[in-house]
Each structure stands twice: as structure tokens, then as C-alpha cells.
Amino acid sequence: MISLFRSTRRLLIKKKKIGRYLLYATGEIFLIVIGILIALGINNWNQNRQAREREKFYLEGLRSEFESSKIKLQNLMEVNRLNYEESKKIAKYLTTSEKLPPEEELSKALYNSFSYEIDYNPNNSLLNELINSGRLEDLSNEELRSHLTSWESFIQSIHRQEAALREQRESVVRLFRNGNGSISSILDDAGVLEEIGLPANPDTPGNLAIVRSPEFENNLLLFILTGINTETSHYQPLLHEINSILDLIDRELRDS
């Protein structure tokens, strides 16, 4: 094709047909420009297609991560609710004129209240990779990028609250660990000793005395309040944030 153009130009110049030559040269330039524009268009289309495929890959990965993080959070909320609801059962006996429950019932409530420590660890490997590599900009939805950028601040707030809850929990457990109560009695009445193959000690003292102490009551009430605040002021807003992120991701995937 190039050799044909050259031959034609030479022939027109040789015959001194300058006007036709200029017209031909203009047409040749036009064809070259059109060819370049087509090539650029194809290249841009291919790059856009690759960018959209890459974005779809990221969106699907993020959706999987946040769905897993949502399940973790919901399970953790159930554990936290079990903790403070069982603690409320104990507090009811301390703050009203009702008699304390039998030792076995009390032990089960104590076990359910303080045996499970909560610690939220979401799946953020892909999100962290996108942020650290600067690839978060590959996501076209600005609102979604804003939510993802502020995600870490949510998690830091959760961890600070969980640390406060652990501190309140430890204040109660420490009363038993320091010899004021009997952990063995709690585990025996709750059926844990039998499950792990350890014998019960029939001479183990009960825990009714420690439960009646003002120190226990004070620490228990603070634990309950902190647990409720953890759910209402931290876990529930975080669950709402996760749902918002998942809605935005699903919307982008539907439009892709």
C-alpha cells in the first residue's frame, strides 16, 4: 500500500500535475489520520474493556469479603448479646428483692456471661491491597470509594470499644481469679469439666457470696452497660455501613 502511494506521487510529480498531486496528498493524509483515529479508538475501547473487567473482578472480590465480614459481625453481635443478657439475669437478682437463684443456675449464667471474649476481625485483604497499591481509583463509583476509604476508621472505633468491653469483663473475672470465687464451681455446674474430662471437686465452695458483694455488682453493671453500648452505638452502625457498601457493589455489578 505504501509503495503504491509512493509510485502515484512520483507519477503525478513527473507529469507536473501539481494540483492533482496536492489533492491526492491531502486524501492520503486524510486516510492516514482516519487510520490513526481508528487505531486509537480500538485501543481506547480495548483499554476501557480491560478496565471494566478489572473493576468487575475487584467488585466481586470486595462483595465476597464484605459478605464474609457481615456474617462475622452478626455472629459476634449474637455472642455479645448473650453475654449481656445473661449478665442482666444475674443483675436482676442483685437490684431487686428477688432471692438469688440456685448455685447451678447462677454458675450457668456466669459462664454464659464471661466465657466468650469478642474481637471483630473482618476480611480486608483485597481492600487493603487496593488501598495500598492505589488501585482503589479503578472503582468508578465515587460514593463507593468514599465508603471504602473510611472503612478503616470504623474498624478502629470498633476495636477501641471492644478493648473497653474486655476491660470491664476482666474486672469481673479478676474477682474469681484472685480467689474470691470459684471458677471450678462455675465450670462444674455448667457441665464444662465433664466435657473436657476433668473430675469435679465436691468440696469446691460456691459463688453466692461473691455475687452479693458490692464490687461484683458494680463491675457487673458496668459490663452490661458497655456491652449494650457496643451493640447499639458500634456494631449496629457498622452493620448498616456494610449493608450500604454491599448495596453499592451490587448496583455496580448489575450495571456492568
C-alpha atoms as a PDB file:
ATOM      1  CA  MET A   1       0.000   0.000   0.000  1.00  0.00           C
ATOM      2  CA  ILE A   2       2.814   2.395   0.938  1.00  0.00           C
ATOM      3  CA  SER A   3       4.709   1.574  -2.271  1.00  0.00           C
ATOM      4  CA  LEU A   4       1.541   2.261  -4.294  1.00  0.00           C
ATOM      5  CA  PHE A   5       1.196   5.708  -2.688  1.00  0.00           C
ATOM      6  CA  ARG A   6       4.834   6.496  -3.468  1.00  0.00           C
ATOM      7  CA  SER A   7       4.520   5.393  -7.083  1.00  0.00           C
ATOM      8  CA  THR A   8       1.420   7.507  -7.588  1.00  0.00           C
ATOM      9  CA  ARG A   9       3.080  10.591  -6.092  1.00  0.00           C
ATOM     10  CA  ARG A  10       6.129  10.187  -8.332  1.00  0.00           C
ATOM     11  CA  LEU A  11       3.963   9.802 -11.424  1.00  0.00           C
ATOM     12  CA  LEU A  12       1.965  12.950 -10.682  1.00  0.00           C
ATOM     13  CA  ILE A  13       5.101  14.963  -9.978  1.00  0.00           C
ATOM     14  CA  LYS A  14       6.757  13.687 -13.132  1.00  0.00           C
ATOM     15  CA  LYS A  15       3.778  14.777 -15.233  1.00  0.00           C
ATOM     16  CA  LYS A  16       3.778  18.121 -13.381  1.00  0.00           C
ATOM     17  CA  LYS A  17       0.207  17.686 -12.306  1.00  0.00           C
ATOM     18  CA  ILE A  18       0.718  19.626  -9.087  1.00  0.00           C
ATOM     19  CA  GLY A  19      -2.961  20.287  -8.455  1.00  0.00           C
ATOM     20  CA  ARG A  20      -3.835  16.625  -8.664  1.00  0.00           C
ATOM     21  CA  TYR A  21      -0.802  15.817  -6.565  1.00  0.00           C
ATOM     22  CA  LEU A  22      -1.894  18.180  -3.795  1.00  0.00           C
ATOM     23  CA  LEU A  23      -5.396  16.762  -3.922  1.00  0.00           C
ATOM     24  CA  TYR A  24      -4.020  13.256  -3.767  1.00  0.00           C
ATOM     25  CA  ALA A  25      -1.631  14.156  -0.938  1.00  0.00           C
ATOM     26  CA  THR A  26      -4.486  15.654   1.022  1.00  0.00           C
ATOM     27  CA  GLY A  27      -6.524  12.489   0.539  1.00  0.00           C
ATOM     28  CA  GLU A  28      -3.554  10.389   1.587  1.00  0.00           C
ATOM     29  CA  ILE A  29      -3.090  12.422   4.757  1.00  0.00           C
ATOM     30  CA  PHE A  30      -6.799  12.146   5.468  1.00  0.00           C
ATOM     31  CA  LEU A  31      -6.662   8.371   5.128  1.00  0.00           C
ATOM     32  CA  ILE A  32      -3.653   8.204   7.445  1.00  0.00           C
ATOM     33  CA  VAL A  33      -5.409  10.369  10.030  1.00  0.00           C
ATOM     34  CA  ILE A  34      -8.530   8.234   9.793  1.00  0.00           C
ATOM     35  CA  GLY A  35      -6.404   5.122  10.241  1.00  0.00           C
ATOM     36  CA  ILE A  36      -4.712   6.600  13.325  1.00  0.00           C
ATOM     37  CA  LEU A  37      -8.053   7.637  14.812  1.00  0.00           C
ATOM     38  CA  ILE A  38      -9.495   4.177  14.225  1.00  0.00           C
ATOM     39  CA  ALA A  39      -6.441   2.586  15.815  1.00  0.00           C
ATOM     40  CA  LEU A  40      -6.689   4.924  18.810  1.00  0.00           C
ATOM     41  CA  GLY A  41     -10.392   4.221  19.107  1.00  0.00           C
ATOM     42  CA  ILE A  42      -9.808   0.486  19.081  1.00  0.00           C
ATOM     43  CA  ASN A  43      -7.018   0.867  21.628  1.00  0.00           C
ATOM     44  CA  ASN A  44      -9.177   3.055  23.898  1.00  0.00           C
ATOM     45  CA  TRP A  45     -12.068   0.637  23.606  1.00  0.00           C
ATOM     46  CA  ASN A  46      -9.794  -2.249  24.489  1.00  0.00           C
ATOM     47  CA  GLN A  47      -8.343  -0.368  27.462  1.00  0.00           C
ATOM     48  CA  ASN A  48     -11.825   0.567  28.692  1.00  0.00           C
ATOM     49  CA  ARG A  49     -12.933  -3.041  28.328  1.00  0.00           C
ATOM     50  CA  GLN A  50      -9.922  -4.257  30.304  1.00  0.00           C
ATOM     51  CA  ALA A  51     -10.501  -1.577  32.964  1.00  0.00           C
ATOM     52  CA  ARG A  52     -14.140  -2.594  33.313  1.00  0.00           C
ATOM     53  CA  GLU A  53     -13.230  -6.269  33.550  1.00  0.00           C
ATOM     54  CA  ARG A  54     -10.621  -5.425  36.182  1.00  0.00           C
ATOM     55  CA  GLU A  55     -13.179  -3.325  38.088  1.00  0.00           C
ATOM     56  CA  LYS A  56     -15.705  -6.162  37.928  1.00  0.00           C
ATOM     57  CA  PHE A  57     -13.078  -8.536  39.317  1.00  0.00           C
ATOM     58  CA  TYR A  58     -12.393  -6.152  42.194  1.00  0.00           C
ATOM     59  CA  LEU A  59     -16.107  -5.629  42.868  1.00  0.00           C
ATOM     60  CA  GLU A  60     -16.798  -9.352  43.021  1.00  0.00           C
ATOM     61  CA  GLY A  61     -13.852  -9.841  45.367  1.00  0.00           C
ATOM     62  CA  LEU A  62     -14.970  -6.982  47.614  1.00  0.00           C
ATOM     63  CA  ARG A  63     -18.501  -8.319  47.699  1.00  0.00           C
ATOM     64  CA  SER A  64     -17.215 -11.701  48.838  1.00  0.00           C
ATOM     65  CA  GLU A  65     -15.083 -10.062  51.535  1.00  0.00           C
ATOM     66  CA  PHE A  66     -17.849  -7.859  52.909  1.00  0.00           C
ATOM     67  CA  GLU A  67     -20.410 -10.660  52.865  1.00  0.00           C
ATOM     68  CA  SER A  68     -17.999 -12.731  54.951  1.00  0.00           C
ATOM     69  CA  SER A  69     -17.339  -9.751  57.246  1.00  0.00           C
ATOM     70  CA  LYS A  70     -21.082  -9.258  57.653  1.00  0.00           C
ATOM     71  CA  ILE A  71     -21.573 -12.856  58.793  1.00  0.00           C
ATOM     72  CA  LYS A  72     -18.702 -12.485  61.268  1.00  0.00           C
ATOM     73  CA  LEU A  73     -20.227  -9.322  62.673  1.00  0.00           C
ATOM     74  CA  GLN A  74     -23.691 -10.856  63.027  1.00  0.00           C
ATOM     75  CA  ASN A  75     -22.248 -13.863  64.860  1.00  0.00           C
ATOM     76  CA  LEU A  76     -20.267 -11.567  67.135  1.00  0.00           C
ATOM     77  CA  MET A  77     -23.368  -9.496  67.870  1.00  0.00           C
ATOM     78  CA  GLU A  78     -25.153 -12.665  68.983  1.00  0.00           C
ATOM     79  CA  VAL A  79     -22.293 -13.559  71.321  1.00  0.00           C
ATOM     80  CA  ASN A  80     -22.199 -10.051  72.772  1.00  0.00           C
ATOM     81  CA  ARG A  81     -25.965 -10.075  73.259  1.00  0.00           C
ATOM     82  CA  LEU A  82     -25.750 -13.445  75.013  1.00  0.00           C
ATOM     83  CA  ASN A  83     -23.086 -12.024  77.319  1.00  0.00           C
ATOM     84  CA  TYR A  84     -25.029  -9.013  78.493  1.00  0.00           C
ATOM     85  CA  GLU A  85     -28.443 -10.708  78.531  1.00  0.00           C
ATOM     86  CA  GLU A  86     -27.128 -13.455  80.820  1.00  0.00           C
ATOM     87  CA  SER A  87     -25.466 -10.793  82.946  1.00  0.00           C
ATOM     88  CA  LYS A  88     -28.783  -8.977  83.209  1.00  0.00           C
ATOM     89  CA  LYS A  89     -30.308 -12.132  84.665  1.00  0.00           C
ATOM     90  CA  ILE A  90     -27.745 -12.005  87.466  1.00  0.00           C
ATOM     91  CA  ALA A  91     -28.134  -8.243  87.925  1.00  0.00           C
ATOM     92  CA  LYS A  92     -31.891  -8.621  88.300  1.00  0.00           C
ATOM     93  CA  TYR A  93     -31.368 -10.646  91.469  1.00  0.00           C
ATOM     94  CA  LEU A  94     -28.926  -8.055  92.819  1.00  0.00           C
ATOM     95  CA  THR A  95     -31.002  -4.958  92.111  1.00  0.00           C
ATOM     96  CA  THR A  96     -34.398  -6.307  93.215  1.00  0.00           C
ATOM     97  CA  SER A  97     -35.737  -8.082  96.268  1.00  0.00           C
ATOM     98  CA  GLU A  98     -35.787 -11.431  94.466  1.00  0.00           C
ATOM     99  CA  LYS A  99     -33.776 -14.223  96.042  1.00  0.00           C
ATOM    100  CA  LEU A 100     -30.609 -15.374  94.341  1.00  0.00           C
ATOM    101  CA  PRO A 101     -31.096 -18.411  92.079  1.00  0.00           C
ATOM    102  CA  PRO A 102     -29.748 -21.862  92.926  1.00  0.00           C
ATOM    103  CA  GLU A 103     -25.967 -22.232  92.647  1.00  0.00           C
ATOM    104  CA  GLU A 104     -26.167 -24.268  89.435  1.00  0.00           C
ATOM    105  CA  GLU A 105     -28.353 -21.699  87.673  1.00  0.00           C
ATOM    106  CA  LEU A 106     -26.067 -18.906  88.819  1.00  0.00           C
ATOM    107  CA  SER A 107     -22.990 -20.752  87.549  1.00  0.00           C
ATOM    108  CA  LYS A 108     -24.531 -21.229  84.100  1.00  0.00           C
ATOM    109  CA  ALA A 109     -25.381 -17.538  83.910  1.00  0.00           C
ATOM    110  CA  LEU A 110     -21.846 -16.590  84.955  1.00  0.00           C
ATOM    111  CA  TYR A 111     -20.362 -18.974  82.398  1.00  0.00           C
ATOM    112  CA  ASN A 112     -22.522 -17.635  79.570  1.00  0.00           C
ATOM    113  CA  SER A 113     -21.759 -14.053  80.571  1.00  0.00           C
ATOM    114  CA  PHE A 114     -17.970 -14.158  80.776  1.00  0.00           C
ATOM    115  CA  SER A 115     -16.664 -17.171  78.854  1.00  0.00           C
ATOM    116  CA  TYR A 116     -16.714 -15.577  75.395  1.00  0.00           C
ATOM    117  CA  GLU A 117     -14.441 -12.692  74.514  1.00  0.00           C
ATOM    118  CA  ILE A 118     -15.401 -10.731  71.422  1.00  0.00           C
ATOM    119  CA  ASP A 119     -12.947  -9.458  68.817  1.00  0.00           C
ATOM    120  CA  TYR A 120     -14.084  -8.385  65.351  1.00  0.00           C
ATOM    121  CA  ASN A 121     -11.631  -9.232  62.566  1.00  0.00           C
ATOM    122  CA  PRO A 122     -13.154  -8.519  59.147  1.00  0.00           C
ATOM    123  CA  ASN A 123     -11.806  -9.894  55.881  1.00  0.00           C
ATOM    124  CA  ASN A 124      -9.982  -6.925  54.360  1.00  0.00           C
ATOM    125  CA  SER A 125      -7.129  -8.441  52.360  1.00  0.00           C
ATOM    126  CA  LEU A 126      -8.345  -7.265  48.940  1.00  0.00           C
ATOM    127  CA  LEU A 127      -9.478  -3.876  50.224  1.00  0.00           C
ATOM    128  CA  ASN A 128      -6.113  -3.287  51.892  1.00  0.00           C
ATOM    129  CA  GLU A 129      -4.330  -4.307  48.704  1.00  0.00           C
ATOM    130  CA  LEU A 130      -6.401  -1.869  46.634  1.00  0.00           C
ATOM    131  CA  ILE A 131      -5.752   0.987  49.057  1.00  0.00           C
ATOM    132  CA  ASN A 132      -2.030   0.304  49.490  1.00  0.00           C
ATOM    133  CA  SER A 133      -1.432  -0.077  45.743  1.00  0.00           C
ATOM    134  CA  GLY A 134      -3.519   2.940  44.762  1.00  0.00           C
ATOM    135  CA  ARG A 135      -5.843   0.722  42.706  1.00  0.00           C
ATOM    136  CA  LEU A 136      -8.913   1.916  44.579  1.00  0.00           C
ATOM    137  CA  GLU A 137      -9.192   4.550  41.851  1.00  0.00           C
ATOM    138  CA  ASP A 138     -10.033   1.725  39.433  1.00  0.00           C
ATOM    139  CA  LEU A 139     -13.505   1.723  41.002  1.00  0.00           C
ATOM    140  CA  SER A 140     -15.616   4.201  39.070  1.00  0.00           C
ATOM    141  CA  ASN A 141     -18.273   4.797  41.740  1.00  0.00           C
ATOM    142  CA  GLU A 142     -17.125   7.762  43.810  1.00  0.00           C
ATOM    143  CA  GLU A 143     -19.605   7.064  46.621  1.00  0.00           C
ATOM    144  CA  LEU A 144     -18.340   3.502  46.951  1.00  0.00           C
ATOM    145  CA  ARG A 145     -14.726   4.698  47.053  1.00  0.00           C
ATOM    146  CA  SER A 146     -15.651   7.113  49.849  1.00  0.00           C
ATOM    147  CA  HIS A 147     -17.217   4.330  51.926  1.00  0.00           C
ATOM    148  CA  LEU A 148     -14.234   2.045  51.381  1.00  0.00           C
ATOM    149  CA  THR A 149     -11.757   4.772  52.287  1.00  0.00           C
ATOM    150  CA  SER A 150     -13.500   5.428  55.614  1.00  0.00           C
ATOM    151  CA  TRP A 151     -13.861   1.719  56.434  1.00  0.00           C
ATOM    152  CA  GLU A 152     -10.666   1.570  58.480  1.00  0.00           C
ATOM    153  CA  SER A 153     -11.880   4.350  60.777  1.00  0.00           C
ATOM    154  CA  PHE A 154     -14.987   2.268  61.528  1.00  0.00           C
ATOM    155  CA  ILE A 155     -12.847  -0.740  62.419  1.00  0.00           C
ATOM    156  CA  GLN A 156     -10.544   1.282  64.669  1.00  0.00           C
ATOM    157  CA  SER A 157     -13.579   2.609  66.549  1.00  0.00           C
ATOM    158  CA  ILE A 158     -14.876  -0.955  66.943  1.00  0.00           C
ATOM    159  CA  HIS A 159     -11.559  -2.171  68.312  1.00  0.00           C
ATOM    160  CA  ARG A 160     -11.390   0.657  70.854  1.00  0.00           C
ATOM    161  CA  GLN A 161     -14.880  -0.191  72.074  1.00  0.00           C
ATOM    162  CA  GLU A 162     -14.065  -3.899  72.246  1.00  0.00           C
ATOM    163  CA  ALA A 163     -10.980  -3.083  74.299  1.00  0.00           C
ATOM    164  CA  ALA A 164     -13.179  -1.181  76.757  1.00  0.00           C
ATOM    165  CA  LEU A 165     -15.566  -4.133  76.909  1.00  0.00           C
ATOM    166  CA  ARG A 166     -12.700  -6.567  77.534  1.00  0.00           C
ATOM    167  CA  GLU A 167     -11.510  -4.339  80.354  1.00  0.00           C
ATOM    168  CA  GLN A 168     -14.946  -4.457  82.002  1.00  0.00           C
ATOM    169  CA  ARG A 169     -15.132  -8.212  81.509  1.00  0.00           C
ATOM    170  CA  GLU A 170     -11.686  -8.669  83.024  1.00  0.00           C
ATOM    171  CA  SER A 171     -12.735  -6.635  86.077  1.00  0.00           C
ATOM    172  CA  VAL A 172     -15.391  -9.236  86.835  1.00  0.00           C
ATOM    173  CA  VAL A 173     -13.296 -12.282  86.003  1.00  0.00           C
ATOM    174  CA  ARG A 174     -10.456 -10.970  88.160  1.00  0.00           C
ATOM    175  CA  LEU A 175     -12.658 -11.270  91.246  1.00  0.00           C
ATOM    176  CA  PHE A 176     -12.853 -15.015  90.683  1.00  0.00           C
ATOM    177  CA  ARG A 177      -9.243 -15.401  89.583  1.00  0.00           C
ATOM    178  CA  ASN A 178      -7.979 -13.719  92.754  1.00  0.00           C
ATOM    179  CA  GLY A 179      -9.555 -16.387  94.941  1.00  0.00           C
ATOM    180  CA  ASN A 180     -12.716 -14.577  95.950  1.00  0.00           C
ATOM    181  CA  GLY A 181     -14.820 -17.035  93.996  1.00  0.00           C
ATOM    182  CA  SER A 182     -14.581 -20.470  92.441  1.00  0.00           C
ATOM    183  CA  ILE A 183     -14.064 -20.898  88.714  1.00  0.00           C
ATOM    184  CA  SER A 184     -14.112 -24.669  89.220  1.00  0.00           C
ATOM    185  CA  SER A 185     -17.629 -24.461  90.643  1.00  0.00           C
ATOM    186  CA  ILE A 186     -18.806 -22.484  87.611  1.00  0.00           C
ATOM    187  CA  LEU A 187     -17.279 -24.952  85.146  1.00  0.00           C
ATOM    188  CA  ASP A 188     -18.686 -27.917  87.053  1.00  0.00           C
ATOM    189  CA  ASP A 189     -22.248 -26.586  87.214  1.00  0.00           C
ATOM    190  CA  ALA A 190     -22.099 -25.534  83.576  1.00  0.00           C
ATOM    191  CA  GLY A 191     -21.035 -29.065  82.556  1.00  0.00           C
ATOM    192  CA  VAL A 192     -17.679 -27.943  81.164  1.00  0.00           C
ATOM    193  CA  LEU A 193     -15.499 -30.056  83.462  1.00  0.00           C
ATOM    194  CA  GLU A 194     -17.274 -33.201  82.325  1.00  0.00           C
ATOM    195  CA  GLU A 195     -16.919 -32.214  78.659  1.00  0.00           C
ATOM    196  CA  ILE A 196     -13.157 -31.787  78.940  1.00  0.00           C
ATOM    197  CA  GLY A 197     -12.706 -34.928  81.033  1.00  0.00           C
ATOM    198  CA  LEU A 198     -11.872 -33.384  84.418  1.00  0.00           C
ATOM    199  CA  PRO A 199     -13.364 -34.585  87.698  1.00  0.00           C
ATOM    200  CA  ALA A 200     -15.483 -32.271  89.811  1.00  0.00           C
ATOM    201  CA  ASN A 201     -14.432 -31.378  93.337  1.00  0.00           C
ATOM    202  CA  PRO A 202     -17.389 -31.870  95.718  1.00  0.00           C
ATOM    203  CA  ASP A 203     -15.747 -29.606  98.301  1.00  0.00           C
ATOM    204  CA  THR A 204     -15.496 -26.618  95.939  1.00  0.00           C
ATOM    205  CA  PRO A 205     -17.170 -23.553  97.505  1.00  0.00           C
ATOM    206  CA  GLY A 206     -19.986 -21.786  95.683  1.00  0.00           C
ATOM    207  CA  ASN A 207     -20.145 -18.237  94.363  1.00  0.00           C
ATOM    208  CA  LEU A 208     -23.236 -16.851  96.055  1.00  0.00           C
ATOM    209  CA  ALA A 209     -21.099 -14.837  98.486  1.00  0.00           C
ATOM    210  CA  ILE A 210     -19.033 -13.076  95.817  1.00  0.00           C
ATOM    211  CA  VAL A 211     -22.124 -12.272  93.782  1.00  0.00           C
ATOM    212  CA  ARG A 212     -23.608 -10.466  96.762  1.00  0.00           C
ATOM    213  CA  SER A 213     -20.555  -8.200  97.080  1.00  0.00           C
ATOM    214  CA  PRO A 214     -20.873  -4.515  96.046  1.00  0.00           C
ATOM    215  CA  GLU A 215     -17.673  -4.792  93.990  1.00  0.00           C
ATOM    216  CA  PHE A 216     -19.132  -7.586  91.882  1.00  0.00           C
ATOM    217  CA  GLU A 217     -22.403  -5.722  91.391  1.00  0.00           C
ATOM    218  CA  ASN A 218     -20.622  -2.530  90.327  1.00  0.00           C
ATOM    219  CA  ASN A 219     -18.405  -4.322  87.829  1.00  0.00           C
ATOM    220  CA  LEU A 220     -21.303  -6.379  86.513  1.00  0.00           C
ATOM    221  CA  LEU A 221     -23.444  -3.310  85.824  1.00  0.00           C
ATOM    222  CA  LEU A 222     -20.584  -1.568  84.032  1.00  0.00           C
ATOM    223  CA  PHE A 223     -20.045  -4.684  81.928  1.00  0.00           C
ATOM    224  CA  ILE A 224     -23.732  -4.783  80.972  1.00  0.00           C
ATOM    225  CA  LEU A 225     -23.807  -1.102  80.024  1.00  0.00           C
ATOM    226  CA  THR A 226     -20.633  -1.400  77.965  1.00  0.00           C
ATOM    227  CA  GLY A 227     -21.949  -4.489  76.184  1.00  0.00           C
ATOM    228  CA  ILE A 228     -25.226  -2.795  75.275  1.00  0.00           C
ATOM    229  CA  ASN A 229     -23.376   0.318  74.087  1.00  0.00           C
ATOM    230  CA  THR A 230     -21.088  -1.867  71.989  1.00  0.00           C
ATOM    231  CA  GLU A 231     -24.112  -3.201  70.125  1.00  0.00           C
ATOM    232  CA  THR A 232     -26.211  -0.081  69.746  1.00  0.00           C
ATOM    233  CA  SER A 233     -23.502   2.521  69.120  1.00  0.00           C
ATOM    234  CA  HIS A 234     -20.891   0.453  67.287  1.00  0.00           C
ATOM    235  CA  TYR A 235     -21.974  -2.925  65.928  1.00  0.00           C
ATOM    236  CA  GLN A 236     -25.343  -1.797  64.561  1.00  0.00           C
ATOM    237  CA  PRO A 237     -23.883   1.263  62.740  1.00  0.00           C
ATOM    238  CA  LEU A 238     -21.125  -0.961  61.355  1.00  0.00           C
ATOM    239  CA  LEU A 239     -23.700  -3.467  60.102  1.00  0.00           C
ATOM    240  CA  HIS A 240     -25.542  -0.595  58.403  1.00  0.00           C
ATOM    241  CA  GLU A 241     -22.275   0.510  56.785  1.00  0.00           C
ATOM    242  CA  ILE A 242     -21.586  -2.994  55.489  1.00  0.00           C
ATOM    243  CA  ASN A 243     -25.086  -3.181  54.002  1.00  0.00           C
ATOM    244  CA  SER A 244     -24.568   0.201  52.313  1.00  0.00           C
ATOM    245  CA  ILE A 245     -21.285  -0.975  50.787  1.00  0.00           C
ATOM    246  CA  LEU A 246     -22.837  -4.236  49.577  1.00  0.00           C
ATOM    247  CA  ASP A 247     -25.759  -2.327  48.019  1.00  0.00           C
ATOM    248  CA  LEU A 248     -23.360  -0.064  46.121  1.00  0.00           C
ATOM    249  CA  ILE A 249     -21.292  -3.022  44.929  1.00  0.00           C
ATOM    250  CA  ASP A 250     -24.379  -4.930  43.764  1.00  0.00           C
ATOM    251  CA  ARG A 251     -25.607  -1.858  41.908  1.00  0.00           C
ATOM    252  CA  GLU A 252     -22.297  -1.508  40.093  1.00  0.00           C
ATOM    253  CA  LEU A 253     -22.223  -5.188  39.178  1.00  0.00           C
ATOM    254  CA  ARG A 254     -25.768  -5.024  37.820  1.00  0.00           C
ATOM    255  CA  ASP A 255     -24.806  -2.066  35.632  1.00  0.00           C
ATOM    256  CA  SER A 256     -21.615  -3.689  34.357  1.00  0.00           C
END
